[in-house]
Amino acid sequence: MEAPVEISAMAINVAVPEDLRWRDTRRDEEFELQSLTIRMLPDGSLAAKAYGRPVAGGRGAYVSFPVPDRPELAALVSAAADEASRRWAAHV
């Protein structure tokens, strides 16, 4: 019998639609948050972090931001997880 495979986390990257984007500041630089990294943790719960680009232009630092507790962002996270689940189940 083979040993079970232990998966510590699964992650997906999701674009934030323009109408749901927001801005936040880090190290005196304002960022527009444009993408989410959503992880499914071993217990089945979801964790999300946001990433974006400096409003002033340029690459800026690769810094994560918390995802605000807004119903429309929670719905995006849930819909993305559902779609990822569907795609994982259909893989060949």
PDB file of N, CA and C in Angstrom:
ATOM      1  N   MET A   1       0.844  -1.187   0.000  1.00  0.00           N
ATOM      2  CA  MET A   1       0.000   0.000   0.000  1.00  0.00           C
ATOM      3  C   MET A   1       0.890   1.252   0.000  1.00  0.00           C
ATOM      4  N   GLU A   2       0.588   2.194  -0.873  1.00  0.00           N
ATOM      5  CA  GLU A   2       1.348   3.432  -0.950  1.00  0.00           C
ATOM      6  C   GLU A   2       0.995   4.366   0.199  1.00  0.00           C
ATOM      7  N   ALA A   3       1.986   5.127   0.618  1.00  0.00           N
ATOM      8  CA  ALA A   3       1.744   6.125   1.658  1.00  0.00           C
ATOM      9  C   ALA A   3       0.874   7.240   1.081  1.00  0.00           C
ATOM     10  N   PRO A   4      -0.018   7.800   1.878  1.00  0.00           N
ATOM     11  CA  PRO A   4      -0.853   8.904   1.373  1.00  0.00           C
ATOM     12  C   PRO A   4       0.003  10.128   1.044  1.00  0.00           C
ATOM     13  N   VAL A   5      -0.429  10.874   0.073  1.00  0.00           N
ATOM     14  CA  VAL A   5       0.250  12.109  -0.302  1.00  0.00           C
ATOM     15  C   VAL A   5      -0.216  13.215   0.635  1.00  0.00           C
ATOM     16  N   GLU A   6       0.730  13.892   1.231  1.00  0.00           N
ATOM     17  CA  GLU A   6       0.387  14.986   2.142  1.00  0.00           C
ATOM     18  C   GLU A   6       0.510  16.314   1.396  1.00  0.00           C
ATOM     19  N   ILE A   7      -0.609  16.979   1.214  1.00  0.00           N
ATOM     20  CA  ILE A   7      -0.638  18.280   0.549  1.00  0.00           C
ATOM     21  C   ILE A   7      -0.726  19.344   1.632  1.00  0.00           C
ATOM     22  N   SER A   8       0.264  20.229   1.659  1.00  0.00           N
ATOM     23  CA  SER A   8       0.274  21.240   2.714  1.00  0.00           C
ATOM     24  C   SER A   8      -0.589  22.446   2.354  1.00  0.00           C
ATOM     25  N   ALA A   9      -0.697  22.766   1.059  1.00  0.00           N
ATOM     26  CA  ALA A   9      -1.539  23.888   0.626  1.00  0.00           C
ATOM     27  C   ALA A   9      -1.669  23.848  -0.886  1.00  0.00           C
ATOM     28  N   MET A  10      -2.732  24.431  -1.392  1.00  0.00           N
ATOM     29  CA  MET A  10      -2.923  24.623  -2.832  1.00  0.00           C
ATOM     30  C   MET A  10      -3.219  26.101  -3.012  1.00  0.00           C
ATOM     31  N   ALA A  11      -2.689  26.670  -4.102  1.00  0.00           N
ATOM     32  CA  ALA A  11      -2.863  28.105  -4.303  1.00  0.00           C
ATOM     33  C   ALA A  11      -3.297  28.413  -5.728  1.00  0.00           C
ATOM     34  N   ILE A  12      -4.062  29.487  -5.855  1.00  0.00           N
ATOM     35  CA  ILE A  12      -4.462  29.997  -7.167  1.00  0.00           C
ATOM     36  C   ILE A  12      -4.240  31.510  -7.171  1.00  0.00           C
ATOM     37  N   ASN A  13      -4.004  32.041  -8.343  1.00  0.00           N
ATOM     38  CA  ASN A  13      -3.875  33.490  -8.523  1.00  0.00           C
ATOM     39  C   ASN A  13      -5.081  33.970  -9.310  1.00  0.00           C
ATOM     40  N   VAL A  14      -5.673  35.047  -8.834  1.00  0.00           N
ATOM     41  CA  VAL A  14      -6.915  35.547  -9.409  1.00  0.00           C
ATOM     42  C   VAL A  14      -6.802  37.046  -9.663  1.00  0.00           C
ATOM     43  N   ALA A  15      -7.167  37.475 -10.853  1.00  0.00           N
ATOM     44  CA  ALA A  15      -7.206  38.906 -11.162  1.00  0.00           C
ATOM     45  C   ALA A  15      -8.412  39.523 -10.466  1.00  0.00           C
ATOM     46  N   VAL A  16      -8.214  40.692  -9.885  1.00  0.00           N
ATOM     47  CA  VAL A  16      -9.314  41.430  -9.265  1.00  0.00           C
ATOM     48  C   VAL A  16      -9.941  42.306 -10.351  1.00  0.00           C
ATOM     49  N   PRO A  17     -11.237  42.135 -10.628  1.00  0.00           N
ATOM     50  CA  PRO A  17     -11.879  43.002 -11.624  1.00  0.00           C
ATOM     51  C   PRO A  17     -11.696  44.472 -11.254  1.00  0.00           C
ATOM     52  N   GLU A  18     -11.598  45.311 -12.260  1.00  0.00           N
ATOM     53  CA  GLU A  18     -11.319  46.727 -12.037  1.00  0.00           C
ATOM     54  C   GLU A  18     -12.266  47.386 -11.041  1.00  0.00           C
ATOM     55  N   ASP A  19     -13.546  47.055 -11.104  1.00  0.00           N
ATOM     56  CA  ASP A  19     -14.513  47.696 -10.209  1.00  0.00           C
ATOM     57  C   ASP A  19     -14.392  47.241  -8.749  1.00  0.00           C
ATOM     58  N   LEU A  20     -13.590  46.197  -8.496  1.00  0.00           N
ATOM     59  CA  LEU A  20     -13.402  45.720  -7.121  1.00  0.00           C
ATOM     60  C   LEU A  20     -12.028  46.083  -6.551  1.00  0.00           C
ATOM     61  N   ARG A  21     -11.171  46.672  -7.360  1.00  0.00           N
ATOM     62  CA  ARG A  21      -9.818  47.014  -6.907  1.00  0.00           C
ATOM     63  C   ARG A  21      -9.862  48.114  -5.850  1.00  0.00           C
ATOM     64  N   TRP A  22      -8.852  48.157  -5.029  1.00  0.00           N
ATOM     65  CA  TRP A  22      -8.734  49.166  -4.002  1.00  0.00           C
ATOM     66  C   TRP A  22      -7.270  49.576  -3.873  1.00  0.00           C
ATOM     67  N   ARG A  23      -7.032  50.603  -3.093  1.00  0.00           N
ATOM     68  CA  ARG A  23      -5.675  51.100  -2.890  1.00  0.00           C
ATOM     69  C   ARG A  23      -5.299  50.982  -1.420  1.00  0.00           C
ATOM     70  N   ASP A  24      -4.004  50.767  -1.210  1.00  0.00           N
ATOM     71  CA  ASP A  24      -3.471  50.687   0.143  1.00  0.00           C
ATOM     72  C   ASP A  24      -2.045  51.220   0.095  1.00  0.00           C
ATOM     73  N   THR A  25      -1.515  51.588   1.243  1.00  0.00           N
ATOM     74  CA  THR A  25      -0.185  52.183   1.304  1.00  0.00           C
ATOM     75  C   THR A  25       0.757  51.305   2.113  1.00  0.00           C
ATOM     76  N   ARG A  26       1.962  51.189   1.604  1.00  0.00           N
ATOM     77  CA  ARG A  26       3.015  50.454   2.311  1.00  0.00           C
ATOM     78  C   ARG A  26       4.323  51.188   2.086  1.00  0.00           C
ATOM     79  N   ARG A  27       5.063  51.419   3.158  1.00  0.00           N
ATOM     80  CA  ARG A  27       6.356  52.107   3.076  1.00  0.00           C
ATOM     81  C   ARG A  27       6.237  53.441   2.327  1.00  0.00           C
ATOM     82  N   ASP A  28       5.210  54.190   2.644  1.00  0.00           N
ATOM     83  CA  ASP A  28       4.957  55.507   2.036  1.00  0.00           C
ATOM     84  C   ASP A  28       4.710  55.445   0.537  1.00  0.00           C
ATOM     85  N   GLU A  29       4.336  54.295   0.025  1.00  0.00           N
ATOM     86  CA  GLU A  29       4.031  54.154  -1.399  1.00  0.00           C
ATOM     87  C   GLU A  29       2.623  53.584  -1.551  1.00  0.00           C
ATOM     88  N   GLU A  30       1.808  54.225  -2.410  1.00  0.00           N
ATOM     89  CA  GLU A  30       0.435  53.789  -2.622  1.00  0.00           C
ATOM     90  C   GLU A  30       0.388  52.736  -3.727  1.00  0.00           C
ATOM     91  N   PHE A  31      -0.333  51.652  -3.476  1.00  0.00           N
ATOM     92  CA  PHE A  31      -0.488  50.554  -4.418  1.00  0.00           C
ATOM     93  C   PHE A  31      -1.955  50.400  -4.807  1.00  0.00           C
ATOM     94  N   GLU A  32      -2.199  50.008  -6.052  1.00  0.00           N
ATOM     95  CA  GLU A  32      -3.528  49.574  -6.467  1.00  0.00           C
ATOM     96  C   GLU A  32      -3.482  48.053  -6.477  1.00  0.00           C
ATOM     97  N   LEU A  33      -4.357  47.435  -5.692  1.00  0.00           N
ATOM     98  CA  LEU A  33      -4.357  45.987  -5.551  1.00  0.00           C
ATOM     99  C   LEU A  33      -5.133  45.358  -6.696  1.00  0.00           C
ATOM    100  N   GLN A  34      -4.442  44.508  -7.468  1.00  0.00           N
ATOM    101  CA  GLN A  34      -4.970  43.989  -8.725  1.00  0.00           C
ATOM    102  C   GLN A  34      -5.092  42.477  -8.788  1.00  0.00           C
ATOM    103  N   SER A  35      -4.493  41.776  -7.836  1.00  0.00           N
ATOM    104  CA  SER A  35      -4.575  40.306  -7.883  1.00  0.00           C
ATOM    105  C   SER A  35      -4.630  39.739  -6.477  1.00  0.00           C
ATOM    106  N   LEU A  36      -5.169  38.535  -6.386  1.00  0.00           N
ATOM    107  CA  LEU A  36      -5.245  37.805  -5.126  1.00  0.00           C
ATOM    108  C   LEU A  36      -4.523  36.482  -5.281  1.00  0.00           C
ATOM    109  N   THR A  37      -3.833  36.089  -4.247  1.00  0.00           N
ATOM    110  CA  THR A  37      -3.340  34.722  -4.139  1.00  0.00           C
ATOM    111  C   THR A  37      -4.188  34.073  -3.063  1.00  0.00           C
ATOM    112  N   ILE A  38      -4.886  33.021  -3.452  1.00  0.00           N
ATOM    113  CA  ILE A  38      -5.806  32.337  -2.542  1.00  0.00           C
ATOM    114  C   ILE A  38      -5.246  30.949  -2.285  1.00  0.00           C
ATOM    115  N   ARG A  39      -5.085  30.622  -1.022  1.00  0.00           N
ATOM    116  CA  ARG A  39      -4.560  29.306  -0.643  1.00  0.00           C
ATOM    117  C   ARG A  39      -5.628  28.513   0.082  1.00  0.00           C
ATOM    118  N   MET A  40      -5.695  27.224  -0.237  1.00  0.00           N
ATOM    119  CA  MET A  40      -6.522  26.326   0.558  1.00  0.00           C
ATOM    120  C   MET A  40      -5.579  25.660   1.557  1.00  0.00           C
ATOM    121  N   LEU A  41      -5.864  25.849   2.825  1.00  0.00           N
ATOM    122  CA  LEU A  41      -5.027  25.322   3.886  1.00  0.00           C
ATOM    123  C   LEU A  41      -5.381  23.864   4.166  1.00  0.00           C
ATOM    124  N   PRO A  42      -4.517  23.145   4.879  1.00  0.00           N
ATOM    125  CA  PRO A  42      -4.771  21.719   5.133  1.00  0.00           C
ATOM    126  C   PRO A  42      -6.136  21.423   5.755  1.00  0.00           C
ATOM    127  N   ASP A  43      -6.661  22.355   6.544  1.00  0.00           N
ATOM    128  CA  ASP A  43      -7.970  22.115   7.177  1.00  0.00           C
ATOM    129  C   ASP A  43      -9.144  22.448   6.259  1.00  0.00           C
ATOM    130  N   GLY A  44      -8.840  22.857   5.001  1.00  0.00           N
ATOM    131  CA  GLY A  44      -9.902  23.161   4.046  1.00  0.00           C
ATOM    132  C   GLY A  44     -10.325  24.616   4.025  1.00  0.00           C
ATOM    133  N   SER A  45      -9.822  25.417   4.950  1.00  0.00           N
ATOM    134  CA  SER A  45     -10.173  26.837   4.960  1.00  0.00           C
ATOM    135  C   SER A  45      -9.363  27.582   3.902  1.00  0.00           C
ATOM    136  N   LEU A  46      -9.798  28.791   3.581  1.00  0.00           N
ATOM    137  CA  LEU A  46      -9.132  29.610   2.568  1.00  0.00           C
ATOM    138  C   LEU A  46      -8.441  30.795   3.223  1.00  0.00           C
ATOM    139  N   ALA A  47      -7.283  31.148   2.665  1.00  0.00           N
ATOM    140  CA  ALA A  47      -6.562  32.348   3.087  1.00  0.00           C
ATOM    141  C   ALA A  47      -6.202  33.115   1.827  1.00  0.00           C
ATOM    142  N   ALA A  48      -6.364  34.428   1.863  1.00  0.00           N
ATOM    143  CA  ALA A  48      -6.091  35.241   0.670  1.00  0.00           C
ATOM    144  C   ALA A  48      -5.207  36.428   1.029  1.00  0.00           C
ATOM    145  N   LYS A  49      -4.324  36.763   0.085  1.00  0.00           N
ATOM    146  CA  LYS A  49      -3.494  37.966   0.179  1.00  0.00           C
ATOM    147  C   LYS A  49      -3.628  38.699  -1.139  1.00  0.00           C
ATOM    148  N   ALA A  50      -3.477  40.023  -1.087  1.00  0.00           N
ATOM    149  CA  ALA A  50      -3.597  40.853  -2.282  1.00  0.00           C
ATOM    150  C   ALA A  50      -2.231  41.397  -2.685  1.00  0.00           C
ATOM    151  N   TYR A  51      -2.080  41.588  -3.984  1.00  0.00           N
ATOM    152  CA  TYR A  51      -0.848  42.146  -4.538  1.00  0.00           C
ATOM    153  C   TYR A  51      -1.222  43.172  -5.597  1.00  0.00           C
ATOM    154  N   GLY A  52      -0.324  44.123  -5.844  1.00  0.00           N
ATOM    155  CA  GLY A  52      -0.629  45.131  -6.839  1.00  0.00           C
ATOM    156  C   GLY A  52       0.595  45.880  -7.304  1.00  0.00           C
ATOM    157  N   ARG A  53       0.339  47.003  -7.943  1.00  0.00           N
ATOM    158  CA  ARG A  53       1.397  47.835  -8.517  1.00  0.00           C
ATOM    159  C   ARG A  53       1.331  49.222  -7.895  1.00  0.00           C
ATOM    160  N   PRO A  54       2.499  49.859  -7.797  1.00  0.00           N
ATOM    161  CA  PRO A  54       2.507  51.233  -7.291  1.00  0.00           C
ATOM    162  C   PRO A  54       1.687  52.155  -8.193  1.00  0.00           C
ATOM    163  N   VAL A  55       0.894  53.018  -7.609  1.00  0.00           N
ATOM    164  CA  VAL A  55       0.066  53.953  -8.360  1.00  0.00           C
ATOM    165  C   VAL A  55       0.959  54.914  -9.152  1.00  0.00           C
ATOM    166  N   ALA A  56       2.116  55.254  -8.600  1.00  0.00           N
ATOM    167  CA  ALA A  56       3.027  56.188  -9.255  1.00  0.00           C
ATOM    168  C   ALA A  56       3.760  55.563 -10.439  1.00  0.00           C
ATOM    169  N   GLY A  57       3.604  54.257 -10.628  1.00  0.00           N
ATOM    170  CA  GLY A  57       4.284  53.567 -11.725  1.00  0.00           C
ATOM    171  C   GLY A  57       5.501  52.802 -11.238  1.00  0.00           C
ATOM    172  N   GLY A  58       6.078  52.040 -12.145  1.00  0.00           N
ATOM    173  CA  GLY A  58       7.233  51.230 -11.790  1.00  0.00           C
ATOM    174  C   GLY A  58       6.815  49.893 -11.222  1.00  0.00           C
ATOM    175  N   ARG A  59       7.818  49.098 -10.923  1.00  0.00           N
ATOM    176  CA  ARG A  59       7.549  47.762 -10.400  1.00  0.00           C
ATOM    177  C   ARG A  59       7.225  47.765  -8.923  1.00  0.00           C
ATOM    178  N   GLY A  60       7.964  48.523  -8.161  1.00  0.00           N
ATOM    179  CA  GLY A  60       7.736  48.535  -6.725  1.00  0.00           C
ATOM    180  C   GLY A  60       8.133  47.214  -6.092  1.00  0.00           C
ATOM    181  N   ALA A  61       7.923  47.110  -4.811  1.00  0.00           N
ATOM    182  CA  ALA A  61       8.263  45.894  -4.072  1.00  0.00           C
ATOM    183  C   ALA A  61       7.133  44.877  -4.203  1.00  0.00           C
ATOM    184  N   TYR A  62       7.490  43.611  -4.107  1.00  0.00           N
ATOM    185  CA  TYR A  62       6.491  42.545  -4.115  1.00  0.00           C
ATOM    186  C   TYR A  62       6.045  42.352  -2.671  1.00  0.00           C
ATOM    187  N   VAL A  63       4.996  43.059  -2.305  1.00  0.00           N
ATOM    188  CA  VAL A  63       4.539  43.097  -0.925  1.00  0.00           C
ATOM    189  C   VAL A  63       3.086  42.653  -0.887  1.00  0.00           C
ATOM    190  N   SER A  64       2.771  41.821   0.084  1.00  0.00           N
ATOM    191  CA  SER A  64       1.378  41.384   0.216  1.00  0.00           C
ATOM    192  C   SER A  64       0.608  42.354   1.103  1.00  0.00           C
ATOM    193  N   PHE A  65      -0.693  42.413   0.841  1.00  0.00           N
ATOM    194  CA  PHE A  65      -1.612  43.245   1.612  1.00  0.00           C
ATOM    195  C   PHE A  65      -2.767  42.367   2.070  1.00  0.00           C
ATOM    196  N   PRO A  66      -3.369  42.687   3.201  1.00  0.00           N
ATOM    197  CA  PRO A  66      -4.568  41.953   3.601  1.00  0.00           C
ATOM    198  C   PRO A  66      -5.725  42.270   2.655  1.00  0.00           C
ATOM    199  N   VAL A  67      -6.609  41.316   2.509  1.00  0.00           N
ATOM    200  CA  VAL A  67      -7.814  41.519   1.700  1.00  0.00           C
ATOM    201  C   VAL A  67      -8.890  42.094   2.624  1.00  0.00           C
ATOM    202  N   PRO A  68      -9.440  43.253   2.288  1.00  0.00           N
ATOM    203  CA  PRO A  68     -10.468  43.852   3.146  1.00  0.00           C
ATOM    204  C   PRO A  68     -11.689  42.936   3.296  1.00  0.00           C
ATOM    205  N   ASP A  69     -12.339  43.075   4.421  1.00  0.00           N
ATOM    206  CA  ASP A  69     -13.541  42.287   4.697  1.00  0.00           C
ATOM    207  C   ASP A  69     -14.733  42.959   4.022  1.00  0.00           C
ATOM    208  N   ARG A  70     -14.845  42.717   2.701  1.00  0.00           N
ATOM    209  CA  ARG A  70     -15.950  43.272   1.916  1.00  0.00           C
ATOM    210  C   ARG A  70     -16.691  42.104   1.264  1.00  0.00           C
ATOM    211  N   PRO A  71     -18.013  42.112   1.292  1.00  0.00           N
ATOM    212  CA  PRO A  71     -18.790  40.996   0.745  1.00  0.00           C
ATOM    213  C   PRO A  71     -18.440  40.665  -0.702  1.00  0.00           C
ATOM    214  N   GLU A  72     -18.198  41.678  -1.535  1.00  0.00           N
ATOM    215  CA  GLU A  72     -17.916  41.417  -2.948  1.00  0.00           C
ATOM    216  C   GLU A  72     -16.545  40.752  -3.134  1.00  0.00           C
ATOM    217  N   LEU A  73     -15.585  41.050  -2.248  1.00  0.00           N
ATOM    218  CA  LEU A  73     -14.283  40.376  -2.336  1.00  0.00           C
ATOM    219  C   LEU A  73     -14.386  38.948  -1.796  1.00  0.00           C
ATOM    220  N   ALA A  74     -15.169  38.758  -0.744  1.00  0.00           N
ATOM    221  CA  ALA A  74     -15.399  37.401  -0.229  1.00  0.00           C
ATOM    222  C   ALA A  74     -16.079  36.546  -1.298  1.00  0.00           C
ATOM    223  N   ALA A  75     -17.009  37.133  -2.044  1.00  0.00           N
ATOM    224  CA  ALA A  75     -17.676  36.397  -3.126  1.00  0.00           C
ATOM    225  C   ALA A  75     -16.687  36.047  -4.236  1.00  0.00           C
ATOM    226  N   LEU A  76     -15.757  36.959  -4.547  1.00  0.00           N
ATOM    227  CA  LEU A  76     -14.739  36.673  -5.555  1.00  0.00           C
ATOM    228  C   LEU A  76     -13.847  35.516  -5.113  1.00  0.00           C
ATOM    229  N   VAL A  77     -13.419  35.526  -3.863  1.00  0.00           N
ATOM    230  CA  VAL A  77     -12.586  34.440  -3.325  1.00  0.00           C
ATOM    231  C   VAL A  77     -13.335  33.121  -3.402  1.00  0.00           C
ATOM    232  N   SER A  78     -14.591  33.111  -3.004  1.00  0.00           N
ATOM    233  CA  SER A  78     -15.399  31.892  -3.030  1.00  0.00           C
ATOM    234  C   SER A  78     -15.611  31.384  -4.457  1.00  0.00           C
ATOM    235  N   ALA A  79     -15.946  32.297  -5.373  1.00  0.00           N
ATOM    236  CA  ALA A  79     -16.159  31.895  -6.770  1.00  0.00           C
ATOM    237  C   ALA A  79     -14.875  31.362  -7.391  1.00  0.00           C
ATOM    238  N   ALA A  80     -13.744  31.990  -7.071  1.00  0.00           N
ATOM    239  CA  ALA A  80     -12.468  31.522  -7.600  1.00  0.00           C
ATOM    240  C   ALA A  80     -12.133  30.132  -7.068  1.00  0.00           C
ATOM    241  N   ALA A  81     -12.381  29.898  -5.790  1.00  0.00           N
ATOM    242  CA  ALA A  81     -12.128  28.574  -5.207  1.00  0.00           C
ATOM    243  C   ALA A  81     -13.029  27.520  -5.838  1.00  0.00           C
ATOM    244  N   ASP A  82     -14.288  27.867  -6.063  1.00  0.00           N
ATOM    245  CA  ASP A  82     -15.211  26.931  -6.724  1.00  0.00           C
ATOM    246  C   ASP A  82     -14.734  26.588  -8.135  1.00  0.00           C
ATOM    247  N   GLU A  83     -14.298  27.605  -8.879  1.00  0.00           N
ATOM    248  CA  GLU A  83     -13.820  27.376 -10.248  1.00  0.00           C
ATOM    249  C   GLU A  83     -12.535  26.554 -10.242  1.00  0.00           C
ATOM    250  N   ALA A  84     -11.643  26.842  -9.312  1.00  0.00           N
ATOM    251  CA  ALA A  84     -10.411  26.054  -9.211  1.00  0.00           C
ATOM    252  C   ALA A  84     -10.730  24.595  -8.886  1.00  0.00           C
ATOM    253  N   SER A  85     -11.687  24.387  -8.006  1.00  0.00           N
ATOM    254  CA  SER A  85     -12.102  23.030  -7.652  1.00  0.00           C
ATOM    255  C   SER A  85     -12.633  22.289  -8.872  1.00  0.00           C
ATOM    256  N   ARG A  86     -13.449  22.976  -9.655  1.00  0.00           N
ATOM    257  CA  ARG A  86     -13.992  22.360 -10.859  1.00  0.00           C
ATOM    258  C   ARG A  86     -12.867  21.987 -11.824  1.00  0.00           C
ATOM    259  N   ARG A  87     -11.911  22.894 -11.987  1.00  0.00           N
ATOM    260  CA  ARG A  87     -10.798  22.621 -12.916  1.00  0.00           C
ATOM    261  C   ARG A  87      -9.901  21.511 -12.414  1.00  0.00           C
ATOM    262  N   TRP A  88      -9.608  21.489 -11.103  1.00  0.00           N
ATOM    263  CA  TRP A  88      -8.783  20.415 -10.539  1.00  0.00           C
ATOM    264  C   TRP A  88      -9.478  19.057 -10.755  1.00  0.00           C
ATOM    265  N   ALA A  89     -10.783  19.018 -10.531  1.00  0.00           N
ATOM    266  CA  ALA A  89     -11.526  17.757 -10.673  1.00  0.00           C
ATOM    267  C   ALA A  89     -11.545  17.268 -12.109  1.00  0.00           C
ATOM    268  N   ALA A  90     -11.460  18.179 -13.063  1.00  0.00           N
ATOM    269  CA  ALA A  90     -11.547  17.810 -14.487  1.00  0.00           C
ATOM    270  C   ALA A  90     -10.183  17.588 -15.122  1.00  0.00           C
ATOM    271  N   HIS A  91      -9.096  17.714 -14.356  1.00  0.00           N
ATOM    272  CA  HIS A  91      -7.765  17.603 -14.968  1.00  0.00           C
ATOM    273  C   HIS A  91      -7.562  16.224 -15.590  1.00  0.00           C
ATOM    274  N   VAL A  92      -6.708  16.199 -16.597  1.00  0.00           N
ATOM    275  CA  VAL A  92      -6.419  14.923 -17.284  1.00  0.00           C
ATOM    276  C   VAL A  92      -4.973  14.533 -17.124  1.00  0.00           C
TER     277      VAL A  92
END
